[in-house]
Amino acid sequence: DLSSCLAEPEEIQKLKPVLHKCVILRLNHNNLQDSGVKHLV
């Protein structure tokens, strides 16, 4: 759960090596924007 952490696309990019291991991934109330979604895709 990384909700409300003020995370931006840069943070998601740094976390890419581990996020695929999560069963439940909560990223609510951040600032991912469309560019952050590209990393999630």
ModelCIF file with pLDDT and N, C-alpha, C, O atoms, coordinates in Angstrom:
data_MODEL
#
_entry.id   MODEL 
#
_entity.id                         1 
_entity.type                       polymer 
_entity.pdbx_number_of_molecules   1 
#
_entity_poly.entity_id                      1 
_entity_poly.type                           'polypeptide(L)' 
_entity_poly.nstd_linkage                   no 
_entity_poly.nstd_monomer                   no 
_entity_poly.pdbx_seq_one_letter_code       DLSSCLAEPEEIQKLKPVLHKCVILRLNHNNLQDSGVKHLV 
_entity_poly.pdbx_seq_one_letter_code_can   DLSSCLAEPEEIQKLKPVLHKCVILRLNHNNLQDSGVKHLV 
_entity_poly.pdbx_strand_id                 A 
#
loop_
_entity_poly_seq.entity_id 
_entity_poly_seq.num 
_entity_poly_seq.mon_id 
_entity_poly_seq.hetero 
1 1  ASP n 
1 2  LEU n 
1 3  SER n 
1 4  SER n 
1 5  CYS n 
1 6  LEU n 
1 7  ALA n 
1 8  GLU n 
1 9  PRO n 
1 10 GLU n 
1 11 GLU n 
1 12 ILE n 
1 13 GLN n 
1 14 LYS n 
1 15 LEU n 
1 16 LYS n 
1 17 PRO n 
1 18 VAL n 
1 19 LEU n 
1 20 HIS n 
1 21 LYS n 
1 22 CYS n 
1 23 VAL n 
1 24 ILE n 
1 25 LEU n 
1 26 ARG n 
1 27 LEU n 
1 28 ASN n 
1 29 HIS n 
1 30 ASN n 
1 31 ASN n 
1 32 LEU n 
1 33 GLN n 
1 34 ASP n 
1 35 SER n 
1 36 GLY n 
1 37 VAL n 
1 38 LYS n 
1 39 HIS n 
1 40 LEU n 
1 41 VAL n 
#
_struct_asym.id          A 
_struct_asym.entity_id   1 
#
loop_
_ma_qa_metric.id 
_ma_qa_metric.mode 
_ma_qa_metric.name 
_ma_qa_metric.software_group_id 
_ma_qa_metric.type 
1 global pLDDT . pLDDT 
2 local  pLDDT . pLDDT 
#
_ma_qa_metric_global.metric_id      1 
_ma_qa_metric_global.metric_value   94.32 
_ma_qa_metric_global.model_id       1 
_ma_qa_metric_global.ordinal_id     1 
#
loop_
_ma_qa_metric_local.label_asym_id 
_ma_qa_metric_local.label_comp_id 
_ma_qa_metric_local.label_seq_id 
_ma_qa_metric_local.metric_id 
_ma_qa_metric_local.metric_value 
_ma_qa_metric_local.model_id 
_ma_qa_metric_local.ordinal_id 
A ASP 1  2 97.00 1 1  
A LEU 2  2 96.00 1 2  
A SER 3  2 95.00 1 3  
A SER 4  2 93.00 1 4  
A CYS 5  2 94.00 1 5  
A LEU 6  2 92.00 1 6  
A ALA 7  2 93.00 1 7  
A GLU 8  2 93.00 1 8  
A PRO 9  2 94.00 1 9  
A GLU 10 2 91.00 1 10 
A GLU 11 2 92.00 1 11 
A ILE 12 2 93.00 1 12 
A GLN 13 2 92.00 1 13 
A LYS 14 2 91.00 1 14 
A LEU 15 2 95.00 1 15 
A LYS 16 2 93.00 1 16 
A PRO 17 2 93.00 1 17 
A VAL 18 2 94.00 1 18 
A LEU 19 2 96.00 1 19 
A HIS 20 2 96.00 1 20 
A LYS 21 2 95.00 1 21 
A CYS 22 2 96.00 1 22 
A VAL 23 2 96.00 1 23 
A ILE 24 2 97.00 1 24 
A LEU 25 2 97.00 1 25 
A ARG 26 2 97.00 1 26 
A LEU 27 2 96.00 1 27 
A ASN 28 2 94.00 1 28 
A HIS 29 2 93.00 1 29 
A ASN 30 2 94.00 1 30 
A ASN 31 2 94.00 1 31 
A LEU 32 2 95.00 1 32 
A GLN 33 2 94.00 1 33 
A ASP 34 2 94.00 1 34 
A SER 35 2 94.00 1 35 
A GLY 36 2 94.00 1 36 
A VAL 37 2 95.00 1 37 
A LYS 38 2 94.00 1 38 
A HIS 39 2 94.00 1 39 
A LEU 40 2 96.00 1 40 
A VAL 41 2 95.00 1 41 
#
loop_
_atom_site.group_PDB 
_atom_site.id 
_atom_site.type_symbol 
_atom_site.label_atom_id 
_atom_site.label_alt_id 
_atom_site.label_comp_id 
_atom_site.label_asym_id 
_atom_site.label_entity_id 
_atom_site.label_seq_id 
_atom_site.pdbx_PDB_ins_code 
_atom_site.Cartn_x 
_atom_site.Cartn_y 
_atom_site.Cartn_z 
_atom_site.occupancy 
_atom_site.B_iso_or_equiv 
_atom_site.pdbx_formal_charge 
_atom_site.auth_seq_id 
_atom_site.auth_comp_id 
_atom_site.auth_asym_id 
_atom_site.auth_atom_id 
_atom_site.pdbx_PDB_model_num 
ATOM 1   N N  . ASP A 1 1  ? 0.846  -1.193  0.000   1.00 97.00 ? 1  ASP A N  1 
ATOM 2   C CA . ASP A 1 1  ? 0.000  0.000   0.000   1.00 97.00 ? 1  ASP A CA 1 
ATOM 3   C C  . ASP A 1 1  ? 0.880  1.242   0.000   1.00 97.00 ? 1  ASP A C  1 
ATOM 4   O O  . ASP A 1 1  ? 1.503  1.582   1.006   1.00 97.00 ? 1  ASP A O  1 
ATOM 5   N N  . LEU A 1 2  ? 0.919  1.909   -1.143  1.00 96.00 ? 2  LEU A N  1 
ATOM 6   C CA . LEU A 1 2  ? 1.685  3.150   -1.287  1.00 96.00 ? 2  LEU A CA 1 
ATOM 7   C C  . LEU A 1 2  ? 0.746  4.316   -1.586  1.00 96.00 ? 2  LEU A C  1 
ATOM 8   O O  . LEU A 1 2  ? 1.119  5.257   -2.287  1.00 96.00 ? 2  LEU A O  1 
ATOM 9   N N  . SER A 1 3  ? -0.456 4.249   -1.058  1.00 95.00 ? 3  SER A N  1 
ATOM 10  C CA . SER A 1 3  ? -1.422 5.324   -1.263  1.00 95.00 ? 3  SER A CA 1 
ATOM 11  C C  . SER A 1 3  ? -0.984 6.583   -0.517  1.00 95.00 ? 3  SER A C  1 
ATOM 12  O O  . SER A 1 3  ? -0.366 6.509   0.545   1.00 95.00 ? 3  SER A O  1 
ATOM 13  N N  . SER A 1 4  ? -1.315 7.741   -1.095  1.00 93.00 ? 4  SER A N  1 
ATOM 14  C CA . SER A 1 4  ? -1.080 9.042   -0.447  1.00 93.00 ? 4  SER A CA 1 
ATOM 15  C C  . SER A 1 4  ? 0.382  9.268   -0.086  1.00 93.00 ? 4  SER A C  1 
ATOM 16  O O  . SER A 1 4  ? 0.681  9.911   0.919   1.00 93.00 ? 4  SER A O  1 
ATOM 17  N N  . CYS A 1 5  ? 1.288  8.745   -0.896  1.00 94.00 ? 5  CYS A N  1 
ATOM 18  C CA . CYS A 1 5  ? 2.729  8.911   -0.655  1.00 94.00 ? 5  CYS A CA 1 
ATOM 19  C C  . CYS A 1 5  ? 3.333  10.018  -1.519  1.00 94.00 ? 5  CYS A C  1 
ATOM 20  O O  . CYS A 1 5  ? 4.546  10.228  -1.503  1.00 94.00 ? 5  CYS A O  1 
ATOM 21  N N  . LEU A 1 6  ? 2.485  10.728  -2.273  1.00 92.00 ? 6  LEU A N  1 
ATOM 22  C CA . LEU A 1 6  ? 2.934  11.742  -3.224  1.00 92.00 ? 6  LEU A CA 1 
ATOM 23  C C  . LEU A 1 6  ? 3.841  11.141  -4.303  1.00 92.00 ? 6  LEU A C  1 
ATOM 24  O O  . LEU A 1 6  ? 4.733  11.812  -4.822  1.00 92.00 ? 6  LEU A O  1 
ATOM 25  N N  . ALA A 1 7  ? 3.604  9.883   -4.628  1.00 93.00 ? 7  ALA A N  1 
ATOM 26  C CA . ALA A 1 7  ? 4.420  9.213   -5.641  1.00 93.00 ? 7  ALA A CA 1 
ATOM 27  C C  . ALA A 1 7  ? 4.127  9.772   -7.025  1.00 93.00 ? 7  ALA A C  1 
ATOM 28  O O  . ALA A 1 7  ? 2.976  10.055  -7.359  1.00 93.00 ? 7  ALA A O  1 
ATOM 29  N N  . GLU A 1 8  ? 5.173  9.928   -7.826  1.00 93.00 ? 8  GLU A N  1 
ATOM 30  C CA . GLU A 1 8  ? 5.074  10.412  -9.195  1.00 93.00 ? 8  GLU A CA 1 
ATOM 31  C C  . GLU A 1 8  ? 5.639  9.351   -10.137 1.00 93.00 ? 8  GLU A C  1 
ATOM 32  O O  . GLU A 1 8  ? 6.119  8.319   -9.667  1.00 93.00 ? 8  GLU A O  1 
ATOM 33  N N  . PRO A 1 9  ? 5.595  9.573   -11.454 1.00 94.00 ? 9  PRO A N  1 
ATOM 34  C CA . PRO A 1 9  ? 6.115  8.563   -12.389 1.00 94.00 ? 9  PRO A CA 1 
ATOM 35  C C  . PRO A 1 9  ? 7.537  8.113   -12.089 1.00 94.00 ? 9  PRO A C  1 
ATOM 36  O O  . PRO A 1 9  ? 7.869  6.946   -12.296 1.00 94.00 ? 9  PRO A O  1 
ATOM 37  N N  . GLU A 1 10 ? 8.387  9.022   -11.603 1.00 91.00 ? 10 GLU A N  1 
ATOM 38  C CA . GLU A 1 10 ? 9.766  8.654   -11.289 1.00 91.00 ? 10 GLU A CA 1 
ATOM 39  C C  . GLU A 1 10 ? 9.826  7.564   -10.228 1.00 91.00 ? 10 GLU A C  1 
ATOM 40  O O  . GLU A 1 10 ? 10.632 6.639   -10.325 1.00 91.00 ? 10 GLU A O  1 
ATOM 41  N N  . GLU A 1 11 ? 8.963  7.676   -9.207  1.00 92.00 ? 11 GLU A N  1 
ATOM 42  C CA . GLU A 1 11 ? 8.961  6.678   -8.148  1.00 92.00 ? 11 GLU A CA 1 
ATOM 43  C C  . GLU A 1 11 ? 8.493  5.319   -8.675  1.00 92.00 ? 11 GLU A C  1 
ATOM 44  O O  . GLU A 1 11 ? 9.052  4.286   -8.306  1.00 92.00 ? 11 GLU A O  1 
ATOM 45  N N  . ILE A 1 12 ? 7.468  5.315   -9.538  1.00 93.00 ? 12 ILE A N  1 
ATOM 46  C CA . ILE A 1 12 ? 6.983  4.056   -10.106 1.00 93.00 ? 12 ILE A CA 1 
ATOM 47  C C  . ILE A 1 12 ? 8.067  3.399   -10.951 1.00 93.00 ? 12 ILE A C  1 
ATOM 48  O O  . ILE A 1 12 ? 8.212  2.177   -10.936 1.00 93.00 ? 12 ILE A O  1 
ATOM 49  N N  . GLN A 1 13 ? 8.813  4.188   -11.673 1.00 92.00 ? 13 GLN A N  1 
ATOM 50  C CA . GLN A 1 13 ? 9.896  3.638   -12.486 1.00 92.00 ? 13 GLN A CA 1 
ATOM 51  C C  . GLN A 1 13 ? 10.946 2.970   -11.602 1.00 92.00 ? 13 GLN A C  1 
ATOM 52  O O  . GLN A 1 13 ? 11.462 1.908   -11.948 1.00 92.00 ? 13 GLN A O  1 
ATOM 53  N N  . LYS A 1 14 ? 11.265 3.584   -10.468 1.00 91.00 ? 14 LYS A N  1 
ATOM 54  C CA . LYS A 1 14 ? 12.254 2.991   -9.563  1.00 91.00 ? 14 LYS A CA 1 
ATOM 55  C C  . LYS A 1 14 ? 11.745 1.689   -8.952  1.00 91.00 ? 14 LYS A C  1 
ATOM 56  O O  . LYS A 1 14 ? 12.532 0.803   -8.617  1.00 91.00 ? 14 LYS A O  1 
ATOM 57  N N  . LEU A 1 15 ? 10.425 1.577   -8.808  1.00 95.00 ? 15 LEU A N  1 
ATOM 58  C CA . LEU A 1 15 ? 9.837  0.402   -8.161  1.00 95.00 ? 15 LEU A CA 1 
ATOM 59  C C  . LEU A 1 15 ? 9.497  -0.717  -9.141  1.00 95.00 ? 15 LEU A C  1 
ATOM 60  O O  . LEU A 1 15 ? 9.023  -1.771  -8.717  1.00 95.00 ? 15 LEU A O  1 
ATOM 61  N N  . LYS A 1 16 ? 9.723  -0.520  -10.422 1.00 93.00 ? 16 LYS A N  1 
ATOM 62  C CA . LYS A 1 16 ? 9.346  -1.507  -11.434 1.00 93.00 ? 16 LYS A CA 1 
ATOM 63  C C  . LYS A 1 16 ? 9.926  -2.898  -11.179 1.00 93.00 ? 16 LYS A C  1 
ATOM 64  O O  . LYS A 1 16 ? 9.242  -3.879  -11.471 1.00 93.00 ? 16 LYS A O  1 
ATOM 65  N N  . PRO A 1 17 ? 11.151 -3.044  -10.649 1.00 93.00 ? 17 PRO A N  1 
ATOM 66  C CA . PRO A 1 17 ? 11.680 -4.395  -10.433 1.00 93.00 ? 17 PRO A CA 1 
ATOM 67  C C  . PRO A 1 17 ? 10.915 -5.230  -9.411  1.00 93.00 ? 17 PRO A C  1 
ATOM 68  O O  . PRO A 1 17 ? 11.109 -6.444  -9.356  1.00 93.00 ? 17 PRO A O  1 
ATOM 69  N N  . VAL A 1 18 ? 10.037 -4.606  -8.584  1.00 94.00 ? 18 VAL A N  1 
ATOM 70  C CA . VAL A 1 18 ? 9.366  -5.375  -7.529  1.00 94.00 ? 18 VAL A CA 1 
ATOM 71  C C  . VAL A 1 18 ? 7.843  -5.335  -7.595  1.00 94.00 ? 18 VAL A C  1 
ATOM 72  O O  . VAL A 1 18 ? 7.194  -6.184  -6.985  1.00 94.00 ? 18 VAL A O  1 
ATOM 73  N N  . LEU A 1 19 ? 7.254  -4.392  -8.304  1.00 96.00 ? 19 LEU A N  1 
ATOM 74  C CA . LEU A 1 19 ? 5.804  -4.239  -8.261  1.00 96.00 ? 19 LEU A CA 1 
ATOM 75  C C  . LEU A 1 19 ? 5.070  -5.445  -8.834  1.00 96.00 ? 19 LEU A C  1 
ATOM 76  O O  . LEU A 1 19 ? 3.947  -5.733  -8.419  1.00 96.00 ? 19 LEU A O  1 
ATOM 77  N N  . HIS A 1 20 ? 5.677  -6.149  -9.772  1.00 96.00 ? 20 HIS A N  1 
ATOM 78  C CA . HIS A 1 20 ? 5.004  -7.312  -10.360 1.00 96.00 ? 20 HIS A CA 1 
ATOM 79  C C  . HIS A 1 20 ? 4.850  -8.455  -9.361  1.00 96.00 ? 20 HIS A C  1 
ATOM 80  O O  . HIS A 1 20 ? 4.099  -9.396  -9.616  1.00 96.00 ? 20 HIS A O  1 
ATOM 81  N N  . LYS A 1 21 ? 5.552  -8.390  -8.223  1.00 95.00 ? 21 LYS A N  1 
ATOM 82  C CA . LYS A 1 21 ? 5.479  -9.438  -7.207  1.00 95.00 ? 21 LYS A CA 1 
ATOM 83  C C  . LYS A 1 21 ? 4.301  -9.240  -6.260  1.00 95.00 ? 21 LYS A C  1 
ATOM 84  O O  . LYS A 1 21 ? 4.013  -10.119 -5.448  1.00 95.00 ? 21 LYS A O  1 
ATOM 85  N N  . CYS A 1 22 ? 3.619  -8.107  -6.348  1.00 96.00 ? 22 CYS A N  1 
ATOM 86  C CA . CYS A 1 22 ? 2.528  -7.786  -5.429  1.00 96.00 ? 22 CYS A CA 1 
ATOM 87  C C  . CYS A 1 22 ? 1.226  -8.443  -5.887  1.00 96.00 ? 22 CYS A C  1 
ATOM 88  O O  . CYS A 1 22 ? 0.901  -8.435  -7.075  1.00 96.00 ? 22 CYS A O  1 
ATOM 89  N N  . VAL A 1 23 ? 0.491  -9.004  -4.943  1.00 96.00 ? 23 VAL A N  1 
ATOM 90  C CA . VAL A 1 23 ? -0.841 -9.528  -5.233  1.00 96.00 ? 23 VAL A CA 1 
ATOM 91  C C  . VAL A 1 23 ? -1.865 -8.397  -5.183  1.00 96.00 ? 23 VAL A C  1 
ATOM 92  O O  . VAL A 1 23 ? -2.727 -8.285  -6.055  1.00 96.00 ? 23 VAL A O  1 
ATOM 93  N N  . ILE A 1 24 ? -1.760 -7.574  -4.166  1.00 97.00 ? 24 ILE A N  1 
ATOM 94  C CA . ILE A 1 24 ? -2.601 -6.370  -4.049  1.00 97.00 ? 24 ILE A CA 1 
ATOM 95  C C  . ILE A 1 24 ? -1.687 -5.157  -4.065  1.00 97.00 ? 24 ILE A C  1 
ATOM 96  O O  . ILE A 1 24 ? -0.782 -5.041  -3.239  1.00 97.00 ? 24 ILE A O  1 
ATOM 97  N N  . LEU A 1 25 ? -1.924 -4.261  -5.000  1.00 97.00 ? 25 LEU A N  1 
ATOM 98  C CA . LEU A 1 25 ? -1.094 -3.062  -5.147  1.00 97.00 ? 25 LEU A CA 1 
ATOM 99  C C  . LEU A 1 25 ? -1.992 -1.831  -5.080  1.00 97.00 ? 25 LEU A C  1 
ATOM 100 O O  . LEU A 1 25 ? -2.815 -1.598  -5.965  1.00 97.00 ? 25 LEU A O  1 
ATOM 101 N N  . ARG A 1 26 ? -1.821 -1.054  -4.022  1.00 97.00 ? 26 ARG A N  1 
ATOM 102 C CA . ARG A 1 26 ? -2.643 0.146   -3.826  1.00 97.00 ? 26 ARG A CA 1 
ATOM 103 C C  . ARG A 1 26 ? -1.784 1.388   -4.068  1.00 97.00 ? 26 ARG A C  1 
ATOM 104 O O  . ARG A 1 26 ? -0.798 1.626   -3.370  1.00 97.00 ? 26 ARG A O  1 
ATOM 105 N N  . LEU A 1 27 ? -2.177 2.170   -5.067  1.00 96.00 ? 27 LEU A N  1 
ATOM 106 C CA . LEU A 1 27 ? -1.448 3.389   -5.428  1.00 96.00 ? 27 LEU A CA 1 
ATOM 107 C C  . LEU A 1 27 ? -2.388 4.596   -5.461  1.00 96.00 ? 27 LEU A C  1 
ATOM 108 O O  . LEU A 1 27 ? -2.191 5.517   -6.253  1.00 96.00 ? 27 LEU A O  1 
ATOM 109 N N  . ASN A 1 28 ? -3.390 4.589   -4.617  1.00 94.00 ? 28 ASN A N  1 
ATOM 110 C CA . ASN A 1 28 ? -4.400 5.640   -4.634  1.00 94.00 ? 28 ASN A CA 1 
ATOM 111 C C  . ASN A 1 28 ? -3.847 6.985   -4.163  1.00 94.00 ? 28 ASN A C  1 
ATOM 112 O O  . ASN A 1 28 ? -2.896 7.049   -3.383  1.00 94.00 ? 28 ASN A O  1 
ATOM 113 N N  . HIS A 1 29 ? -4.469 8.059   -4.658  1.00 93.00 ? 29 HIS A N  1 
ATOM 114 C CA . HIS A 1 29 ? -4.198 9.422   -4.185  1.00 93.00 ? 29 HIS A CA 1 
ATOM 115 C C  . HIS A 1 29 ? -2.726 9.797   -4.315  1.00 93.00 ? 29 HIS A C  1 
ATOM 116 O O  . HIS A 1 29 ? -2.125 10.330  -3.382  1.00 93.00 ? 29 HIS A O  1 
ATOM 117 N N  . ASN A 1 30 ? -2.159 9.517   -5.471  1.00 94.00 ? 30 ASN A N  1 
ATOM 118 C CA . ASN A 1 30 ? -0.802 9.939   -5.791  1.00 94.00 ? 30 ASN A CA 1 
ATOM 119 C C  . ASN A 1 30 ? -0.835 10.871  -6.992  1.00 94.00 ? 30 ASN A C  1 
ATOM 120 O O  . ASN A 1 30 ? -1.867 11.469  -7.297  1.00 94.00 ? 30 ASN A O  1 
ATOM 121 N N  . ASN A 1 31 ? 0.284  10.991  -7.664  1.00 94.00 ? 31 ASN A N  1 
ATOM 122 C CA . ASN A 1 31 ? 0.366  11.878  -8.825  1.00 94.00 ? 31 ASN A CA 1 
ATOM 123 C C  . ASN A 1 31 ? 1.024  11.130  -9.988  1.00 94.00 ? 31 ASN A C  1 
ATOM 124 O O  . ASN A 1 31 ? 1.975  11.617  -10.600 1.00 94.00 ? 31 ASN A O  1 
ATOM 125 N N  . LEU A 1 32 ? 0.496  9.934   -10.280 1.00 95.00 ? 32 LEU A N  1 
ATOM 126 C CA . LEU A 1 32 ? 1.130  9.090   -11.290 1.00 95.00 ? 32 LEU A CA 1 
ATOM 127 C C  . LEU A 1 32 ? 0.967  9.655   -12.686 1.00 95.00 ? 32 LEU A C  1 
ATOM 128 O O  . LEU A 1 32 ? 1.888  9.563   -13.498 1.00 95.00 ? 32 LEU A O  1 
ATOM 129 N N  . GLN A 1 33 ? -0.201 10.248  -12.990 1.00 94.00 ? 33 GLN A N  1 
ATOM 130 C CA . GLN A 1 33 ? -0.500 10.798  -14.301 1.00 94.00 ? 33 GLN A CA 1 
ATOM 131 C C  . GLN A 1 33 ? -0.368 9.710   -15.383 1.00 94.00 ? 33 GLN A C  1 
ATOM 132 O O  . GLN A 1 33 ? -0.067 8.556   -15.077 1.00 94.00 ? 33 GLN A O  1 
ATOM 133 N N  . ASP A 1 34 ? -0.591 10.082  -16.612 1.00 94.00 ? 34 ASP A N  1 
ATOM 134 C CA . ASP A 1 34 ? -0.596 9.105   -17.702 1.00 94.00 ? 34 ASP A CA 1 
ATOM 135 C C  . ASP A 1 34 ? 0.775  8.464   -17.901 1.00 94.00 ? 34 ASP A C  1 
ATOM 136 O O  . ASP A 1 34 ? 0.865  7.291   -18.263 1.00 94.00 ? 34 ASP A O  1 
ATOM 137 N N  . SER A 1 35 ? 1.845  9.230   -17.666 1.00 94.00 ? 35 SER A N  1 
ATOM 138 C CA . SER A 1 35 ? 3.183  8.671   -17.857 1.00 94.00 ? 35 SER A CA 1 
ATOM 139 C C  . SER A 1 35 ? 3.479  7.581   -16.838 1.00 94.00 ? 35 SER A C  1 
ATOM 140 O O  . SER A 1 35 ? 4.205  6.634   -17.138 1.00 94.00 ? 35 SER A O  1 
ATOM 141 N N  . GLY A 1 36 ? 2.923  7.705   -15.635 1.00 94.00 ? 36 GLY A N  1 
ATOM 142 C CA . GLY A 1 36 ? 3.101  6.661   -14.640 1.00 94.00 ? 36 GLY A CA 1 
ATOM 143 C C  . GLY A 1 36 ? 2.379  5.387   -15.020 1.00 94.00 ? 36 GLY A C  1 
ATOM 144 O O  . GLY A 1 36 ? 2.847  4.291   -14.712 1.00 94.00 ? 36 GLY A O  1 
ATOM 145 N N  . VAL A 1 37 ? 1.234  5.517   -15.691 1.00 95.00 ? 37 VAL A N  1 
ATOM 146 C CA . VAL A 1 37 ? 0.486  4.348   -16.150 1.00 95.00 ? 37 VAL A CA 1 
ATOM 147 C C  . VAL A 1 37 ? 1.300  3.545   -17.157 1.00 95.00 ? 37 VAL A C  1 
ATOM 148 O O  . VAL A 1 37 ? 1.203  2.319   -17.194 1.00 95.00 ? 37 VAL A O  1 
ATOM 149 N N  . LYS A 1 38 ? 2.096  4.222   -17.970 1.00 94.00 ? 38 LYS A N  1 
ATOM 150 C CA . LYS A 1 38 ? 2.932  3.508   -18.944 1.00 94.00 ? 38 LYS A CA 1 
ATOM 151 C C  . LYS A 1 38 ? 3.875  2.541   -18.241 1.00 94.00 ? 38 LYS A C  1 
ATOM 152 O O  . LYS A 1 38 ? 4.088  1.430   -18.724 1.00 94.00 ? 38 LYS A O  1 
ATOM 153 N N  . HIS A 1 39 ? 4.445  2.946   -17.107 1.00 94.00 ? 39 HIS A N  1 
ATOM 154 C CA . HIS A 1 39 ? 5.309  2.044   -16.344 1.00 94.00 ? 39 HIS A CA 1 
ATOM 155 C C  . HIS A 1 39 ? 4.497  0.860   -15.805 1.00 94.00 ? 39 HIS A C  1 
ATOM 156 O O  . HIS A 1 39 ? 4.969  -0.277  -15.806 1.00 94.00 ? 39 HIS A O  1 
ATOM 157 N N  . LEU A 1 40 ? 3.280  1.139   -15.349 1.00 96.00 ? 40 LEU A N  1 
ATOM 158 C CA . LEU A 1 40 ? 2.436  0.065   -14.818 1.00 96.00 ? 40 LEU A CA 1 
ATOM 159 C C  . LEU A 1 40 ? 2.022  -0.911  -15.913 1.00 96.00 ? 40 LEU A C  1 
ATOM 160 O O  . LEU A 1 40 ? 1.915  -2.112  -15.668 1.00 96.00 ? 40 LEU A O  1 
ATOM 161 N N  . VAL A 1 41 ? 1.791  -0.406  -17.104 1.00 95.00 ? 41 VAL A N  1 
ATOM 162 C CA . VAL A 1 41 ? 1.432  -1.279  -18.223 1.00 95.00 ? 41 VAL A CA 1 
ATOM 163 C C  . VAL A 1 41 ? 2.559  -2.266  -18.515 1.00 95.00 ? 41 VAL A C  1 
ATOM 164 O O  . VAL A 1 41 ? 2.441  -3.086  -19.426 1.00 95.00 ? 41 VAL A O  1 
#
